[in-house]
Amino acid sequence: MAAKSLGFAVSVSHLLGSKSPPKLCVFTISDVLPMGLEEIDQAKSFGAAGTQVGEVVFNTSLTGYQEILTYPSYAGQFVLMTNPHIGNTGVNLDDEESRQCFLAGLVIRSLSISTSSWRSVETLGDYLAERNIMGIYDVDTRAITRRLRRDGSLIGVLSTDNSVTDEELLKMSHSWDIVGIDLISGVSCRAVHEWVDKTKQEWDFSSRGSEEIFHVVAYDFGIKHNILRRLASYGCKITVVPSTWPATETLKMNPDGVLFSNGPGDPSAIPYAIETVKKILGKVPVFGICMGHQLLGQALGGNTFKMKFGHHGGNHPVRNLRTGHVEISAQNHNYAVDPATLPKGVEVTHINLNDGSCAGLAFPAQRIMSLQYHPEASPGPHDSDYAFREFVELMEQQKSKKPEPRLSTVSDA
């Protein structure tokens, strides 16, 4: 399907309170409507200067913009925040979810001119400028969100280069597409390493680590740090490996379980990862999160498809079909598993209550479990943390060779 385009053409910016010098210019936003008409709106820039192309998605979270900025699964995307006021708590050293910012840019309605938080160490504008991430504000984010919901995901361009015309920006947006691009290779780690950090004591709430230490190999497709912290808090020894790490080398490590992490983009664009998953299934217990869930779906013989505008936010209701309980979840994905294409024996364990899409899978015969959403993100605040305990239980059952794995229990916390 041909990419639709929403071109952000930028020509100026000045961030109040920023240490960086003001850029005295003006922005335009060029939007190609379905009938071929164009609209020009005004906006302002903050953060870095330059020209950038990406897919435009909207995020409905009310808080957590720093976690969103450092969330590797946003690689190749402009994140539009539906919450109108952004930047009021600044940024701090504790809320990073990865080693850097991977998103293409940030689009917001109102940029706070001051910060108020005891943890803040700098302004949002300075933080983005230091990391070469572009941002625009004074944008009608509600109108763009309505457009995305009506027409689906769009391709956008941000530019602070006055020499680039609107026509050239629109041409850029028409010539780029996120479908079929391997974005994972750009966010994965480069070398095998151990992870030891646990959730800090003041933030921990329900971890009950197993008396036995289980070795988990975590495939980094763009893994969030808090996934690793929660696993460590449940008593796991974690070895993080790159996305291209061979399955044979993983099995030589004799792990008790394997985690396939979240990551950006199209799962069909990384066939090497699907092959890795296939070679590991049935050998050890497996837990897939987000991209890992989609890769498991494909490795089991199912199909994935691109959603109209995806799920991005910290307020998505999910029903656990085994218990009937509803969890408030954090989600960030543009692709989903088609449950109708899955083979016999694979069970849909969770569904998204907004649209009925598949939000969780299990294949008890091979000790496989997966979630489309993020159990570590805790927006509920802790509705889904039990998933990490269930993964530990799968590894316990594998060692004791119990025939019937127990899944989707409700947390005692």
Protein backbone atom coordinates (compact mmCIF):
# COMPACT_ATOMS: atom_id res chain seq x y z
CA MET A 1 0.00 0.00 0.00
CA ALA A 2 1.40 3.39 -0.93
CA ALA A 3 2.52 5.50 2.01
CA LYS A 4 0.36 8.43 2.98
CA SER A 5 2.27 11.56 3.88
CA LEU A 6 2.13 14.28 6.45
CA GLY A 7 5.04 16.64 5.85
CA PHE A 8 6.31 18.80 8.68
CA ALA A 9 8.25 21.65 7.11
CA VAL A 10 10.19 23.59 9.70
CA SER A 11 11.99 26.92 9.36
CA VAL A 12 12.48 28.34 12.92
CA SER A 13 12.55 27.89 16.62
CA HIS A 14 13.30 29.45 19.96
CA LEU A 15 13.05 27.59 23.25
CA LEU A 16 12.47 29.80 26.29
CA GLY A 17 14.83 28.91 29.11
CA SER A 18 17.10 26.86 26.89
CA LYS A 19 20.88 27.14 27.09
CA SER A 20 21.11 26.78 23.32
CA PRO A 21 21.05 29.96 21.19
CA PRO A 22 17.68 30.92 19.70
CA LYS A 23 17.00 30.07 16.07
CA LEU A 24 15.05 33.02 14.71
CA CYS A 25 12.84 31.55 12.02
CA VAL A 26 9.30 30.15 11.43
CA PHE A 27 7.86 26.65 10.81
CA THR A 28 5.30 25.40 8.37
CA ILE A 29 3.44 22.11 8.32
CA SER A 30 2.43 20.79 4.91
CA ASP A 31 -0.30 18.18 4.92
CA VAL A 32 -1.25 16.36 1.75
CA LEU A 33 -4.98 15.69 2.03
CA PRO A 34 -6.63 12.69 0.35
CA MET A 35 -8.00 14.90 -2.45
CA GLY A 36 -4.55 16.35 -3.13
CA LEU A 37 -5.08 19.70 -1.41
CA GLU A 38 -2.45 21.21 0.89
CA GLU A 39 -2.71 23.03 4.21
CA ILE A 40 0.02 25.21 5.73
CA ASP A 41 0.06 25.69 9.50
CA GLN A 42 2.51 27.40 11.85
CA ALA A 43 4.69 25.74 14.50
CA LYS A 44 7.97 26.23 16.39
CA SER A 45 11.00 24.04 16.96
CA PHE A 46 13.05 23.02 19.98
CA GLY A 47 15.84 20.54 20.51
CA ALA A 48 18.10 19.79 17.54
CA ALA A 49 18.15 21.36 14.07
CA GLY A 50 18.20 19.50 10.76
CA THR A 51 15.90 17.49 8.50
CA GLN A 52 14.35 14.19 9.46
CA VAL A 53 11.77 11.81 7.94
CA GLY A 54 9.72 9.26 9.87
CA GLU A 55 6.35 7.67 10.54
CA VAL A 56 3.97 9.79 12.65
CA VAL A 57 2.26 8.04 15.59
CA PHE A 58 0.31 9.43 18.54
CA ASN A 59 0.86 8.43 22.18
CA THR A 60 -1.97 8.81 24.71
CA SER A 61 0.16 8.64 27.88
CA LEU A 62 -0.38 11.46 30.37
CA THR A 63 3.07 11.08 31.94
CA GLY A 64 6.39 9.40 31.20
CA TYR A 65 7.67 11.41 28.23
CA GLN A 66 11.28 10.67 29.16
CA GLU A 67 10.65 6.92 29.10
CA ILE A 68 9.00 7.38 25.70
CA LEU A 69 11.97 9.36 24.38
CA THR A 70 14.39 6.57 25.37
CA TYR A 71 12.13 3.72 24.23
CA PRO A 72 14.01 1.99 21.35
CA SER A 73 10.77 0.74 19.76
CA TYR A 74 10.10 4.31 18.55
CA ALA A 75 13.04 4.20 16.14
CA GLY A 76 12.00 5.66 12.79
CA GLN A 77 8.94 7.42 14.24
CA PHE A 78 7.81 10.91 15.21
CA VAL A 79 5.94 10.63 18.50
CA LEU A 80 2.99 13.01 18.85
CA MET A 81 1.86 13.40 22.45
CA THR A 82 -1.90 13.80 22.87
CA ASN A 83 -1.36 15.22 26.37
CA PRO A 84 -1.05 18.95 25.55
CA HIS A 85 1.48 20.09 28.18
CA ILE A 86 4.96 18.51 27.96
CA GLY A 87 8.27 19.32 29.64
CA ASN A 88 7.01 20.57 33.00
CA THR A 89 8.99 17.97 35.01
CA GLY A 90 12.21 18.32 32.99
CA VAL A 91 14.38 15.22 32.68
CA ASN A 92 16.33 13.19 35.24
CA LEU A 93 18.95 10.47 35.38
CA ASP A 94 16.69 7.64 36.62
CA ASP A 95 13.95 7.37 33.99
CA GLU A 96 16.04 6.31 30.99
CA GLU A 97 14.80 3.12 29.32
CA SER A 98 17.85 2.66 27.08
CA ARG A 99 21.31 4.06 26.39
CA GLN A 100 20.05 6.83 24.06
CA CYS A 101 17.06 8.37 22.28
CA PHE A 102 16.10 6.47 19.13
CA LEU A 103 12.91 8.21 17.99
CA ALA A 104 12.95 10.45 14.91
CA GLY A 105 11.38 13.45 16.66
CA LEU A 106 8.84 14.75 19.18
CA VAL A 107 5.61 16.61 18.30
CA ILE A 108 3.72 18.42 21.10
CA ARG A 109 1.07 21.06 21.63
CA SER A 110 2.57 23.13 24.45
CA LEU A 111 6.18 23.22 25.65
CA SER A 112 6.61 24.13 29.31
CA ILE A 113 8.75 27.23 29.81
CA SER A 114 9.85 26.06 33.29
CA THR A 115 10.46 22.79 35.12
CA SER A 116 9.30 21.75 38.57
CA SER A 117 10.59 18.44 39.92
CA TRP A 118 13.05 17.57 42.66
CA ARG A 119 14.60 14.98 40.32
CA SER A 120 15.02 17.30 37.30
CA VAL A 121 18.56 17.96 36.09
CA GLU A 122 17.87 19.86 32.84
CA THR A 123 15.12 21.08 30.51
CA LEU A 124 13.53 18.92 27.87
CA GLY A 125 14.79 21.20 25.08
CA ASP A 126 18.42 20.99 26.19
CA TYR A 127 18.10 17.23 26.67
CA LEU A 128 16.89 16.76 23.08
CA ALA A 129 19.48 19.15 21.63
CA GLU A 130 22.33 17.26 23.34
CA ARG A 131 21.02 14.01 21.83
CA ASN A 132 20.39 15.45 18.35
CA ILE A 133 16.63 14.85 18.50
CA MET A 134 14.29 17.31 16.79
CA GLY A 135 11.04 18.59 18.29
CA ILE A 136 8.21 20.95 17.35
CA TYR A 137 5.50 22.60 19.45
CA ASP A 138 2.55 24.97 19.01
CA VAL A 139 1.07 22.25 16.82
CA ASP A 140 -2.62 21.33 16.68
CA THR A 141 -1.94 17.82 17.96
CA ARG A 142 -5.64 17.06 18.34
CA ALA A 143 -6.28 17.68 14.63
CA ILE A 144 -3.31 15.52 13.61
CA THR A 145 -4.43 12.74 15.96
CA ARG A 146 -7.90 12.79 14.40
CA ARG A 147 -6.29 12.56 10.97
CA LEU A 148 -4.18 9.59 12.05
CA ARG A 149 -7.21 7.81 13.50
CA ARG A 150 -9.20 8.48 10.32
CA ASP A 151 -6.61 7.75 7.65
CA GLY A 152 -4.03 5.61 9.45
CA SER A 153 -0.31 6.03 9.97
CA LEU A 154 1.37 8.80 7.96
CA ILE A 155 4.90 9.63 6.88
CA GLY A 156 6.19 13.03 8.05
CA VAL A 157 9.20 15.27 7.55
CA LEU A 158 10.66 17.80 10.00
CA SER A 159 13.14 20.38 8.79
CA THR A 160 14.77 23.55 10.13
CA ASP A 161 16.54 24.13 6.82
CA ASN A 162 15.06 27.24 5.15
CA SER A 163 16.60 26.27 1.82
CA VAL A 164 14.35 23.18 1.55
CA THR A 165 10.99 23.92 -0.09
CA ASP A 166 7.64 22.49 0.95
CA GLU A 167 7.54 20.61 -2.34
CA GLU A 168 10.89 18.97 -1.60
CA LEU A 169 9.73 17.98 1.89
CA LEU A 170 6.58 16.43 0.49
CA LYS A 171 8.65 14.53 -2.07
CA MET A 172 10.78 13.16 0.79
CA SER A 173 7.68 11.99 2.64
CA HIS A 174 6.35 10.23 -0.48
CA SER A 175 9.65 8.44 -1.15
CA TRP A 176 10.14 6.90 2.33
CA ASP A 177 8.26 4.05 4.00
CA ILE A 178 8.84 2.29 7.32
CA VAL A 179 7.41 -1.03 6.08
CA GLY A 180 10.08 -3.61 5.30
CA ILE A 181 12.96 -1.72 6.99
CA ASP A 182 15.15 -3.52 9.52
CA LEU A 183 15.16 -1.01 12.37
CA ILE A 184 16.28 -3.51 14.99
CA SER A 185 19.90 -3.65 13.82
CA GLY A 186 20.22 0.03 14.69
CA VAL A 187 18.99 -0.29 18.28
CA SER A 188 20.36 -3.66 19.40
CA CYS A 189 23.50 -3.99 21.51
CA ARG A 190 26.74 -4.86 19.72
CA ALA A 191 28.22 -7.35 22.20
CA VAL A 192 27.13 -9.96 24.74
CA HIS A 193 26.99 -8.62 28.29
CA GLU A 194 25.60 -9.43 31.71
CA TRP A 195 22.80 -7.43 33.36
CA VAL A 196 22.71 -7.27 37.17
CA ASP A 197 20.71 -4.17 38.18
CA LYS A 198 17.41 -4.83 39.95
CA THR A 199 14.45 -2.54 40.54
CA LYS A 200 15.47 -0.07 43.24
CA GLN A 201 14.12 -0.96 46.66
CA GLU A 202 12.00 2.18 46.95
CA TRP A 203 10.24 1.28 43.66
CA ASP A 204 9.92 -2.48 44.10
CA PHE A 205 6.55 -3.83 45.17
CA SER A 206 6.00 -7.55 44.61
CA SER A 207 9.16 -9.36 43.52
CA ARG A 208 9.57 -12.75 45.10
CA GLY A 209 12.71 -14.14 43.60
CA SER A 210 12.97 -17.89 43.29
CA GLU A 211 15.22 -19.68 45.77
CA GLU A 212 16.94 -21.08 42.71
CA ILE A 213 18.78 -18.76 40.32
CA PHE A 214 17.69 -19.15 36.70
CA HIS A 215 19.88 -18.16 33.78
CA VAL A 216 17.97 -16.19 31.13
CA VAL A 217 19.38 -15.22 27.74
CA ALA A 218 17.68 -12.00 26.63
CA TYR A 219 17.69 -11.15 22.92
CA ASP A 220 18.07 -7.39 22.54
CA PHE A 221 15.78 -6.23 19.74
CA GLY A 222 15.61 -2.84 21.47
CA ILE A 223 15.07 -4.03 25.02
CA LYS A 224 13.89 -1.66 27.74
CA HIS A 225 16.03 -1.52 30.86
CA ASN A 226 13.04 -2.06 33.12
CA ILE A 227 12.34 -5.46 31.58
CA LEU A 228 15.83 -6.50 32.62
CA ARG A 229 15.39 -4.96 36.09
CA ARG A 230 12.16 -6.87 36.70
CA LEU A 231 13.73 -10.17 35.60
CA ALA A 232 16.71 -9.54 37.88
CA SER A 233 14.36 -8.67 40.74
CA TYR A 234 12.70 -12.07 40.29
CA GLY A 235 16.06 -13.76 40.85
CA CYS A 236 17.26 -14.26 37.28
CA LYS A 237 20.84 -14.15 36.07
CA ILE A 238 20.63 -12.36 32.73
CA THR A 239 22.88 -12.53 29.68
CA VAL A 240 21.95 -9.96 27.01
CA VAL A 241 22.82 -10.87 23.43
CA PRO A 242 22.58 -8.94 20.12
CA SER A 243 19.66 -9.44 17.76
CA THR A 244 21.83 -11.46 15.35
CA TRP A 245 23.21 -13.81 18.00
CA PRO A 246 23.00 -17.40 16.63
CA ALA A 247 20.56 -19.78 18.28
CA THR A 248 23.31 -22.42 18.43
CA GLU A 249 25.45 -20.12 20.60
CA THR A 250 22.49 -19.40 22.86
CA LEU A 251 21.80 -23.10 23.39
CA LYS A 252 25.50 -23.67 24.16
CA MET A 253 25.03 -21.33 27.15
CA ASN A 254 22.54 -23.88 28.50
CA PRO A 255 20.05 -21.23 29.63
CA ASP A 256 17.00 -22.00 31.74
CA GLY A 257 14.92 -19.68 29.57
CA VAL A 258 15.09 -17.21 26.68
CA LEU A 259 13.47 -13.78 26.46
CA PHE A 260 12.71 -12.19 23.09
CA SER A 261 12.37 -8.47 23.73
CA ASN A 262 10.46 -5.52 22.35
CA GLY A 263 11.80 -3.70 19.30
CA PRO A 264 10.88 -1.28 16.50
CA GLY A 265 9.31 -1.74 13.12
CA ASP A 266 8.06 -4.58 10.97
CA PRO A 267 8.68 -8.15 12.24
CA SER A 268 8.64 -9.43 8.65
CA ALA A 269 11.68 -7.25 7.92
CA ILE A 270 13.92 -9.36 10.19
CA PRO A 271 13.68 -12.96 8.89
CA TYR A 272 16.98 -13.78 10.61
CA ALA A 273 15.31 -13.20 13.99
CA ILE A 274 12.35 -15.40 13.06
CA GLU A 275 14.73 -18.21 12.16
CA THR A 276 16.53 -17.79 15.49
CA VAL A 277 13.23 -18.04 17.36
CA LYS A 278 12.27 -21.20 15.44
CA LYS A 279 15.52 -22.92 16.41
CA ILE A 280 15.03 -22.18 20.11
CA LEU A 281 11.33 -23.06 20.45
CA GLY A 282 10.79 -26.32 22.32
CA LYS A 283 14.34 -26.40 23.67
CA VAL A 284 13.83 -24.08 26.68
CA PRO A 285 10.97 -21.97 28.09
CA VAL A 286 10.45 -18.79 26.09
CA PHE A 287 8.91 -15.40 26.92
CA GLY A 288 8.20 -12.85 24.17
CA ILE A 289 7.32 -9.21 24.77
CA CYS A 290 5.96 -6.86 22.07
CA MET A 291 8.22 -7.51 19.03
CA GLY A 292 9.15 -10.80 20.68
CA HIS A 293 5.45 -11.70 20.78
CA GLN A 294 5.12 -10.98 17.06
CA LEU A 295 8.24 -12.99 16.20
CA LEU A 296 6.89 -15.92 18.19
CA GLY A 297 3.61 -15.65 16.29
CA GLN A 298 5.43 -15.86 12.97
CA ALA A 299 7.82 -18.60 14.15
CA LEU A 300 4.81 -20.71 15.21
CA GLY A 301 3.36 -20.39 11.71
CA GLY A 302 1.08 -17.40 12.12
CA ASN A 303 0.97 -14.08 10.28
CA THR A 304 1.36 -10.50 11.43
CA PHE A 305 -0.26 -7.43 9.91
CA LYS A 306 0.18 -3.67 10.07
CA MET A 307 -2.50 -1.96 12.13
CA LYS A 308 -4.27 1.21 11.01
CA PHE A 309 -2.56 3.47 13.59
CA GLY A 310 -1.24 1.02 16.17
CA HIS A 311 -1.34 1.11 19.95
CA HIS A 312 0.81 3.72 21.69
CA GLY A 313 0.11 4.75 25.28
CA GLY A 314 -0.10 3.82 28.94
CA ASN A 315 -3.85 3.36 29.26
CA HIS A 316 -4.85 0.35 27.12
CA PRO A 317 -7.26 -2.13 28.77
CA VAL A 318 -6.38 -5.79 28.26
CA ARG A 319 -8.42 -8.81 29.40
CA ASN A 320 -6.70 -11.91 30.66
CA LEU A 321 -8.97 -14.56 29.12
CA ARG A 322 -7.93 -17.21 31.65
CA THR A 323 -8.83 -15.22 34.73
CA GLY A 324 -11.28 -12.65 33.36
CA HIS A 325 -9.27 -9.89 35.02
CA VAL A 326 -8.69 -6.60 33.17
CA GLU A 327 -5.25 -5.02 33.22
CA ILE A 328 -4.35 -1.43 32.35
CA SER A 329 -1.34 -1.79 30.10
CA ALA A 330 1.37 0.22 28.36
CA GLN A 331 1.63 -0.52 24.64
CA ASN A 332 3.71 0.56 21.67
CA HIS A 333 3.33 -1.38 18.44
CA ASN A 334 2.09 -0.91 14.89
CA TYR A 335 1.88 -4.62 14.07
CA ALA A 336 -0.23 -7.43 15.53
CA VAL A 337 -0.51 -11.22 15.33
CA ASP A 338 -3.49 -12.60 13.42
CA PRO A 339 -4.82 -15.33 15.76
CA ALA A 340 -6.79 -16.97 12.95
CA THR A 341 -3.51 -18.02 11.31
CA LEU A 342 -2.02 -19.72 14.38
CA PRO A 343 -1.75 -23.53 14.51
CA LYS A 344 -3.70 -25.83 16.80
CA GLY A 345 -2.41 -25.82 20.36
CA VAL A 346 -1.50 -22.12 20.43
CA GLU A 347 -3.82 -20.28 22.79
CA VAL A 348 -4.78 -16.60 22.78
CA THR A 349 -4.47 -15.65 26.46
CA HIS A 350 -5.09 -11.88 26.34
CA ILE A 351 -7.02 -9.46 24.13
CA ASN A 352 -6.97 -5.69 23.79
CA LEU A 353 -10.41 -4.46 24.84
CA ASN A 354 -10.24 -1.38 22.60
CA ASP A 355 -10.24 -3.34 19.35
CA GLY A 356 -10.20 -7.05 20.23
CA SER A 357 -6.69 -7.62 18.85
CA CYS A 358 -4.43 -10.38 20.16
CA ALA A 359 -2.48 -9.22 23.22
CA GLY A 360 -1.05 -12.50 24.50
CA LEU A 361 -0.25 -16.08 23.45
CA ALA A 362 0.68 -19.35 25.09
CA PHE A 363 1.77 -22.73 23.77
CA PRO A 364 1.88 -24.91 26.91
CA ALA A 365 3.25 -27.95 25.08
CA GLN A 366 6.49 -26.06 24.38
CA ARG A 367 6.46 -23.78 27.47
CA ILE A 368 5.97 -20.62 25.42
CA MET A 369 4.31 -17.42 26.63
CA SER A 370 4.13 -13.94 25.13
CA LEU A 371 2.51 -10.54 25.62
CA GLN A 372 1.96 -7.81 23.03
CA TYR A 373 2.13 -5.16 25.76
CA HIS A 374 4.68 -4.24 28.44
CA PRO A 375 4.30 -5.99 31.83
CA GLU A 376 7.23 -4.02 33.26
CA ALA A 377 5.80 -0.57 32.50
CA SER A 378 3.33 -0.66 35.42
CA PRO A 379 0.74 1.92 34.35
CA GLY A 380 -1.98 0.00 36.23
CA PRO A 381 0.26 0.44 38.29
CA HIS A 382 1.34 -3.21 38.67
CA ASP A 383 -1.42 -5.16 36.95
CA SER A 384 0.81 -7.22 34.66
CA ASP A 385 3.95 -7.79 36.72
CA TYR A 386 2.80 -11.35 37.45
CA ALA A 387 3.99 -12.27 33.95
CA PHE A 388 7.60 -12.30 35.13
CA ARG A 389 6.70 -14.68 37.94
CA GLU A 390 4.95 -16.94 35.43
CA PHE A 391 8.07 -17.04 33.29
CA VAL A 392 10.09 -18.07 36.35
CA GLU A 393 7.49 -20.77 37.05
CA LEU A 394 7.88 -22.08 33.49
CA MET A 395 11.61 -22.43 34.09
CA GLU A 396 10.97 -24.16 37.42
CA GLN A 397 8.60 -26.59 35.73
CA GLN A 398 11.09 -27.27 32.95
CA LYS A 399 13.74 -28.24 35.50
CA SER A 400 11.34 -30.46 37.43
CA LYS A 401 9.74 -31.70 34.17
CA LYS A 402 6.20 -31.12 35.42
CA PRO A 403 3.77 -31.96 32.60
CA GLU A 404 1.29 -29.08 32.92
CA PRO A 405 2.71 -25.53 33.06
CA ARG A 406 0.61 -23.11 35.13
CA LEU A 407 0.07 -19.76 33.36
CA SER A 408 -1.84 -16.52 33.81
CA THR A 409 -2.34 -16.66 37.54
CA VAL A 410 -3.23 -13.51 39.43
CA SER A 411 -0.51 -11.81 41.48
CA ASP A 412 -0.78 -12.26 45.25
CA ALA A 413 0.46 -8.71 45.75
